[in-house]
Amino acid sequence: MRRLILALILLIPGIALASSGGVELQQAGNDITERASLQAGAKLFVNYCMGCHSANYVRFQRVGQDLGLSDEVLKENLMFSSEKVGETMSIAMDKYDAERWFGVTPPDLSVIARARGTDWLYTYMLSFYKDPSRPWGVNNLVF
């Protein structure tokens, strides 16, 4: 039992360092009182990110409530394939196709934001750089 506890004590700092990625996180500067900014961010997410990334643990209706949007405005501006405002923010891309096209299924960003935090996600988005040795020509400092 003592060996197990000692092993855990020695391994936990290593796990924490390995998960950090070695990049200092930048402050996302979120301001939940700036509704116009949050609405613009939701529109940007739906128009650009949801082509590949889902947010399966978020419902359109909840986004509308949080951003002060009526169901009609929500449907016109953020819902392009869903019929009901109570649906989750899922995508049409099949997991098999995603793995074939990208080598991996793009992660659900509602999970990433919850697990790693908005500062990590913000830093990740700003950490891409050109890398001709990579299949897509880009790489990321965070990964």
Foldseek 3Di string as FASTA:
>chain_A
DVVVVVVCVVCVVVVVVVLQLPDDFDDPPDDLVPLVVLVVVLLCCQVPVQQQAFQQVDFQLVSCVSSVHDPVRSCVRRNDDDDDRRGGRHHPDDQVVCCVVPVGRDYHVNVVCVPVNPRLVVQFVVFKDADCVDPVRIDGSSD
